[in-house]
PDB file of N, CA and C in Angstrom:
ATOM      1  N   MET A   1     -10.866  10.412  22.217  1.00  0.00           N
ATOM      2  CA  MET A   1     -11.717  11.041  21.208  1.00  0.00           C
ATOM      3  C   MET A   1     -12.293   9.913  20.294  1.00  0.00           C
ATOM      4  N   PHE A   2     -11.497   8.939  19.963  1.00  0.00           N
ATOM      5  CA  PHE A   2     -12.027   7.804  19.078  1.00  0.00           C
ATOM      6  C   PHE A   2     -12.413   6.564  19.850  1.00  0.00           C
ATOM      7  N   ARG A   3     -12.502   6.656  21.154  1.00  0.00           N
ATOM      8  CA  ARG A   3     -12.779   5.487  21.989  1.00  0.00           C
ATOM      9  C   ARG A   3     -14.146   4.744  21.623  1.00  0.00           C
ATOM     10  N   GLN A   4     -15.111   5.573  21.204  1.00  0.00           N
ATOM     11  CA  GLN A   4     -16.370   5.017  20.840  1.00  0.00           C
ATOM     12  C   GLN A   4     -16.258   4.071  19.667  1.00  0.00           C
ATOM     13  N   TYR A   5     -15.265   4.171  18.794  1.00  0.00           N
ATOM     14  CA  TYR A   5     -15.144   3.353  17.672  1.00  0.00           C
ATOM     15  C   TYR A   5     -14.234   2.114  17.924  1.00  0.00           C
ATOM     16  N   ALA A   6     -13.597   2.017  19.075  1.00  0.00           N
ATOM     17  CA  ALA A   6     -12.570   0.979  19.369  1.00  0.00           C
ATOM     18  C   ALA A   6     -13.091  -0.420  19.201  1.00  0.00           C
ATOM     19  N   ASP A   7     -14.315  -0.680  19.579  1.00  0.00           N
ATOM     20  CA  ASP A   7     -14.872  -2.061  19.409  1.00  0.00           C
ATOM     21  C   ASP A   7     -15.759  -2.284  18.295  1.00  0.00           C
ATOM     22  N   GLY A   8     -16.001  -1.325  17.518  1.00  0.00           N
ATOM     23  CA  GLY A   8     -17.015  -1.421  16.385  1.00  0.00           C
ATOM     24  C   GLY A   8     -16.320  -1.752  15.069  1.00  0.00           C
ATOM     25  N   PRO A   9     -17.066  -2.203  14.193  1.00  0.00           N
ATOM     26  CA  PRO A   9     -16.490  -2.380  12.818  1.00  0.00           C
ATOM     27  C   PRO A   9     -16.243  -1.064  12.140  1.00  0.00           C
ATOM     28  N   LEU A  10     -15.146  -1.073  11.356  1.00  0.00           N
ATOM     29  CA  LEU A  10     -14.789   0.042  10.560  1.00  0.00           C
ATOM     30  C   LEU A  10     -14.671  -0.303   9.087  1.00  0.00           C
ATOM     31  N   PRO A  11     -15.790  -0.476   8.436  1.00  0.00           N
ATOM     32  CA  PRO A  11     -15.711  -1.010   7.062  1.00  0.00           C
ATOM     33  C   PRO A  11     -14.901  -0.201   6.044  1.00  0.00           C
ATOM     34  N   VAL A  12     -15.024   1.024   6.117  1.00  0.00           N
ATOM     35  CA  VAL A  12     -14.317   1.871   5.165  1.00  0.00           C
ATOM     36  C   VAL A  12     -12.819   1.824   5.403  1.00  0.00           C
ATOM     37  N   ALA A  13     -12.462   1.959   6.619  1.00  0.00           N
ATOM     38  CA  ALA A  13     -11.041   1.878   6.979  1.00  0.00           C
ATOM     39  C   ALA A  13     -10.506   0.503   6.677  1.00  0.00           C
ATOM     40  N   GLU A  14     -11.273  -0.519   6.886  1.00  0.00           N
ATOM     41  CA  GLU A  14     -10.791  -1.898   6.692  1.00  0.00           C
ATOM     42  C   GLU A  14     -10.648  -2.128   5.104  1.00  0.00           C
ATOM     43  N   ASP A  15     -11.607  -1.615   4.413  1.00  0.00           N
ATOM     44  CA  ASP A  15     -11.422  -1.764   2.896  1.00  0.00           C
ATOM     45  C   ASP A  15     -10.268  -1.035   2.460  1.00  0.00           C
ATOM     46  N   LEU A  16     -10.076   0.244   2.812  1.00  0.00           N
ATOM     47  CA  LEU A  16      -8.870   0.948   2.410  1.00  0.00           C
ATOM     48  C   LEU A  16      -7.563   0.263   2.743  1.00  0.00           C
ATOM     49  N   CYS A  17      -7.512  -0.267   3.963  1.00  0.00           N
ATOM     50  CA  CYS A  17      -6.324  -0.988   4.417  1.00  0.00           C
ATOM     51  C   CYS A  17      -5.958  -2.126   3.476  1.00  0.00           C
ATOM     52  N   ARG A  18      -6.952  -2.889   2.978  1.00  0.00           N
ATOM     53  CA  ARG A  18      -6.739  -4.027   2.089  1.00  0.00           C
ATOM     54  C   ARG A  18      -6.188  -3.567   0.747  1.00  0.00           C
ATOM     55  N   ARG A  19      -6.473  -2.274   0.279  1.00  0.00           N
ATOM     56  CA  ARG A  19      -6.238  -1.877  -0.996  1.00  0.00           C
ATOM     57  C   ARG A  19      -5.050  -0.785  -1.193  1.00  0.00           C
ATOM     58  N   HIS A  20      -4.571  -0.279  -0.075  1.00  0.00           N
ATOM     59  CA  HIS A  20      -3.667   0.812  -0.188  1.00  0.00           C
ATOM     60  C   HIS A  20      -2.227   0.330  -0.479  1.00  0.00           C
ATOM     61  N   ILE A  21      -1.454   1.177  -0.991  1.00  0.00           N
ATOM     62  CA  ILE A  21      -0.043   0.853  -1.198  1.00  0.00           C
ATOM     63  C   ILE A  21       0.856   1.894  -0.374  1.00  0.00           C
ATOM     64  N   CYS A  22       1.754   1.314   0.347  1.00  0.00           N
ATOM     65  CA  CYS A  22       2.554   2.196   1.205  1.00  0.00           C
ATOM     66  C   CYS A  22       4.027   1.959   0.861  1.00  0.00           C
ATOM     67  N   PRO A  23       4.535   2.630  -0.153  1.00  0.00           N
ATOM     68  CA  PRO A  23       5.941   2.448  -0.514  1.00  0.00           C
ATOM     69  C   PRO A  23       6.901   3.046   0.560  1.00  0.00           C
ATOM     70  N   PRO A  24       8.112   2.487   0.523  1.00  0.00           N
ATOM     71  CA  PRO A  24       9.160   3.188   1.453  1.00  0.00           C
ATOM     72  C   PRO A  24       9.499   4.520   1.065  1.00  0.00           C
ATOM     73  N   VAL A  25       9.483   5.429   2.033  1.00  0.00           N
ATOM     74  CA  VAL A  25       9.799   6.875   1.788  1.00  0.00           C
ATOM     75  C   VAL A  25      10.636   7.310   2.925  1.00  0.00           C
ATOM     76  N   TYR A  26      11.875   7.480   2.657  1.00  0.00           N
ATOM     77  CA  TYR A  26      12.750   8.000   3.797  1.00  0.00           C
ATOM     78  C   TYR A  26      13.952   8.681   3.120  1.00  0.00           C
ATOM     79  N   PRO A  27      14.521   9.602   3.769  1.00  0.00           N
ATOM     80  CA  PRO A  27      15.687  10.395   3.169  1.00  0.00           C
ATOM     81  C   PRO A  27      16.823   9.662   2.591  1.00  0.00           C
ATOM     82  N   SER A  28      17.118   8.527   3.198  1.00  0.00           N
ATOM     83  CA  SER A  28      18.349   7.837   2.742  1.00  0.00           C
ATOM     84  C   SER A  28      17.998   6.753   1.680  1.00  0.00           C
ATOM     85  N   LEU A  29      16.817   6.771   1.134  1.00  0.00           N
ATOM     86  CA  LEU A  29      16.364   5.844   0.038  1.00  0.00           C
ATOM     87  C   LEU A  29      17.400   6.135  -1.177  1.00  0.00           C
ATOM     88  N   THR A  30      18.025   5.041  -1.542  1.00  0.00           N
ATOM     89  CA  THR A  30      18.903   5.222  -2.780  1.00  0.00           C
ATOM     90  C   THR A  30      18.263   5.097  -4.072  1.00  0.00           C
ATOM     91  N   GLU A  31      18.901   5.533  -5.101  1.00  0.00           N
ATOM     92  CA  GLU A  31      18.316   5.347  -6.437  1.00  0.00           C
ATOM     93  C   GLU A  31      18.070   3.912  -6.796  1.00  0.00           C
ATOM     94  N   ALA A  32      18.988   2.993  -6.401  1.00  0.00           N
ATOM     95  CA  ALA A  32      18.846   1.611  -6.680  1.00  0.00           C
ATOM     96  C   ALA A  32      17.651   1.043  -5.917  1.00  0.00           C
ATOM     97  N   GLN A  33      17.404   1.475  -4.666  1.00  0.00           N
ATOM     98  CA  GLN A  33      16.319   1.035  -3.918  1.00  0.00           C
ATOM     99  C   GLN A  33      14.964   1.467  -4.504  1.00  0.00           C
ATOM    100  N   LEU A  34      15.052   2.786  -4.945  1.00  0.00           N
ATOM    101  CA  LEU A  34      13.881   3.380  -5.662  1.00  0.00           C
ATOM    102  C   LEU A  34      13.521   2.583  -6.934  1.00  0.00           C
ATOM    103  N   ASP A  35      14.624   2.249  -7.676  1.00  0.00           N
ATOM    104  CA  ASP A  35      14.365   1.500  -8.909  1.00  0.00           C
ATOM    105  C   ASP A  35      13.707   0.176  -8.542  1.00  0.00           C
ATOM    106  N   HIS A  36      14.189  -0.481  -7.575  1.00  0.00           N
ATOM    107  CA  HIS A  36      13.682  -1.801  -7.069  1.00  0.00           C
ATOM    108  C   HIS A  36      12.208  -1.723  -6.858  1.00  0.00           C
ATOM    109  N   VAL A  37      11.831  -0.744  -6.019  1.00  0.00           N
ATOM    110  CA  VAL A  37      10.425  -0.515  -5.632  1.00  0.00           C
ATOM    111  C   VAL A  37       9.522  -0.231  -6.807  1.00  0.00           C
ATOM    112  N   VAL A  38       9.939   0.681  -7.711  1.00  0.00           N
ATOM    113  CA  VAL A  38       9.206   0.969  -8.944  1.00  0.00           C
ATOM    114  C   VAL A  38       9.090  -0.302  -9.803  1.00  0.00           C
ATOM    115  N   THR A  39      10.188  -1.066  -9.897  1.00  0.00           N
ATOM    116  CA  THR A  39      10.094  -2.237 -10.812  1.00  0.00           C
ATOM    117  C   THR A  39       9.061  -3.215 -10.141  1.00  0.00           C
ATOM    118  N   ALA A  40       9.179  -3.508  -8.797  1.00  0.00           N
ATOM    119  CA  ALA A  40       8.280  -4.462  -8.169  1.00  0.00           C
ATOM    120  C   ALA A  40       6.846  -3.977  -8.252  1.00  0.00           C
ATOM    121  N   LEU A  41       6.573  -2.721  -8.093  1.00  0.00           N
ATOM    122  CA  LEU A  41       5.145  -2.286  -8.224  1.00  0.00           C
ATOM    123  C   LEU A  41       4.670  -2.388  -9.623  1.00  0.00           C
ATOM    124  N   THR A  42       5.506  -2.043 -10.517  1.00  0.00           N
ATOM    125  CA  THR A  42       5.111  -2.142 -11.956  1.00  0.00           C
ATOM    126  C   THR A  42       4.799  -3.572 -12.337  1.00  0.00           C
ATOM    127  N   GLU A  43       5.683  -4.540 -11.926  1.00  0.00           N
ATOM    128  CA  GLU A  43       5.387  -5.929 -12.256  1.00  0.00           C
ATOM    129  C   GLU A  43       4.144  -6.358 -11.536  1.00  0.00           C
ATOM    130  N   ARG A  44       3.904  -6.074 -10.329  1.00  0.00           N
ATOM    131  CA  ARG A  44       2.612  -6.435  -9.651  1.00  0.00           C
ATOM    132  C   ARG A  44       1.486  -5.887 -10.344  1.00  0.00           C
ATOM    133  N   MET A  45       1.521  -4.664 -10.702  1.00  0.00           N
ATOM    134  CA  MET A  45       0.335  -4.006 -11.354  1.00  0.00           C
ATOM    135  C   MET A  45       0.062  -4.643 -12.647  1.00  0.00           C
ATOM    136  N   ASN A  46       1.134  -4.917 -13.464  1.00  0.00           N
ATOM    137  CA  ASN A  46       0.921  -5.525 -14.748  1.00  0.00           C
ATOM    138  C   ASN A  46       0.359  -6.990 -14.530  1.00  0.00           C
ATOM    139  N   SER A  47       0.857  -7.721 -13.591  1.00  0.00           N
ATOM    140  CA  SER A  47       0.319  -9.027 -13.245  1.00  0.00           C
ATOM    141  C   SER A  47      -1.147  -8.877 -12.885  1.00  0.00           C
ATOM    142  N   HIS A  48      -1.543  -7.968 -12.041  1.00  0.00           N
ATOM    143  CA  HIS A  48      -2.871  -7.821 -11.648  1.00  0.00           C
ATOM    144  C   HIS A  48      -3.792  -7.489 -12.798  1.00  0.00           C
ATOM    145  N   LEU A  49      -3.307  -6.550 -13.599  1.00  0.00           N
ATOM    146  CA  LEU A  49      -4.166  -6.192 -14.835  1.00  0.00           C
ATOM    147  C   LEU A  49      -4.291  -7.298 -15.867  1.00  0.00           C
ATOM    148  N   ALA A  50      -3.306  -8.134 -15.957  1.00  0.00           N
ATOM    149  CA  ALA A  50      -3.350  -9.329 -16.877  1.00  0.00           C
ATOM    150  C   ALA A  50      -4.314 -10.374 -16.378  1.00  0.00           C
ATOM    151  N   THR A  51      -4.404 -10.516 -15.073  1.00  0.00           N
ATOM    152  CA  THR A  51      -5.285 -11.574 -14.550  1.00  0.00           C
ATOM    153  C   THR A  51      -6.670 -11.082 -14.217  1.00  0.00           C
ATOM    154  N   GLY A  52      -6.861  -9.738 -14.212  1.00  0.00           N
ATOM    155  CA  GLY A  52      -8.143  -9.227 -13.976  1.00  0.00           C
ATOM    156  C   GLY A  52      -8.391  -9.115 -12.554  1.00  0.00           C
TER     157      GLY A  52
END
């Protein structure tokens, strides 16, 4: 179905791929792991906002 797009540029998909966040989500994720993910994302976002 998507074969026609296999060799061409996909600018919207490529842009989205550069900017998306994919956090770990699985049933056995512990509270400690969740806290680690939230802390890391918060620190990164704060750093990004501070540097523009």
